[in-house]
Structure formats: C-alpha cells, structure tokens
Amino acid sequence: MHDHSDLRADTQRETGPTRTFVSGEDPFRRQPDGVRIHDLLTRGRQPGEIIPLATLTDELGGAADWPAVGDWECVTTDLVQLVHSGDCDALSLGLPEIARALVCTGPHSHVRAFDAAADEFIDYGPEERAAALAEVGAFLAGLVAEQDLWPGDGLLAPLARRP
C-alpha cells in the first residue's frame, strides 16, 4: 500500500490538448531535480492538498527561481515518459476547458471566456480555480479509497526534513 498524503495534479502540454496526470508519492526519476521539486510540492502543505506546477511556479517568483530548484521541463518530460511506458499509474482528469485553464495558470490568474449567447466576456479567477481544485481533490479521495495509485518502482526517498 502506498501513502497518498501527497497526491497532486501535474500538467504537461503535449502535442494535443493539455492532459492532467495524477500520481502518488514521488514520481520523478530525474535526480536531484525531481527530489527538490517533490520537496517544494509537499513542504508545508496539508495532506492531500493539490498543488499544480503553476502554483509552484507562482511561488517561485513567476518562474524566476526555477533554475535554482531544477529543470522542471525535463522532470515533467520524464514523468510523461513514465506514464506512456506504463511505469507508474496515471489518469486524465478530463477537466472542462475553463477548469483546465484555471489549473494551468497561477493561483492569482484570471481566465476570460466569451459567452456568445450573452455577447459578453466572463471572468473566472481564484475562487473558480479553488473550486476546480476542490473537485479534483474530492474525485481523487474517492479514487484512492477504492484503489491505490502505483508511483512506479525504484524511487529515491524524499529529502529529509529538519524539525
């Protein structure tokens, strides 16, 4: 049985639509970058909290501090390769367009959508993003209650934390 206290959704743009992957424990194999990213995704977080990479990017000064942490693009590419080769469990959340856009942008971002029937733009922001993440959290809680997600084999331990 795997510990799912650090479930999170990570997104990666592929050649087609954005796909959202979910994994338990530390799915990253590129080291030490993956371990450092995992540490930032879990340090000071609540168990089960969903942390999209867009949130971590916002916390890292809008990407200015990523170079000091690691190469997130390579780590994410590795994760996608693991998923495609079946070396860890993953699933697509099938988020609607607006929810997907909100999850893929930072926590303070806004997404505007045009409502042709009303002939106006609708602004979606942090409240709608939080609601989308809450829905993802509820979905994942139900999923892991039924079946553990397999993070893959041969993973390195997370960084040791100081009390």
Foldseek 3Di string as FASTA:
>chain_A
DADQQQWAWEWDDDPDHIFIKIAGDQLFDDPPLSLLVSCLSPPPDGGLQYDYVQAVCVVCVVVPNSVVRDDVVVRVVVSVVCPVVVQWDIDGPPDPPLLVVLSNHYLADWDWDADVVVRDIDIDHNVVNVVSSVVVSVVVVVVVVPPHTGSGPDDDDHDDDDD
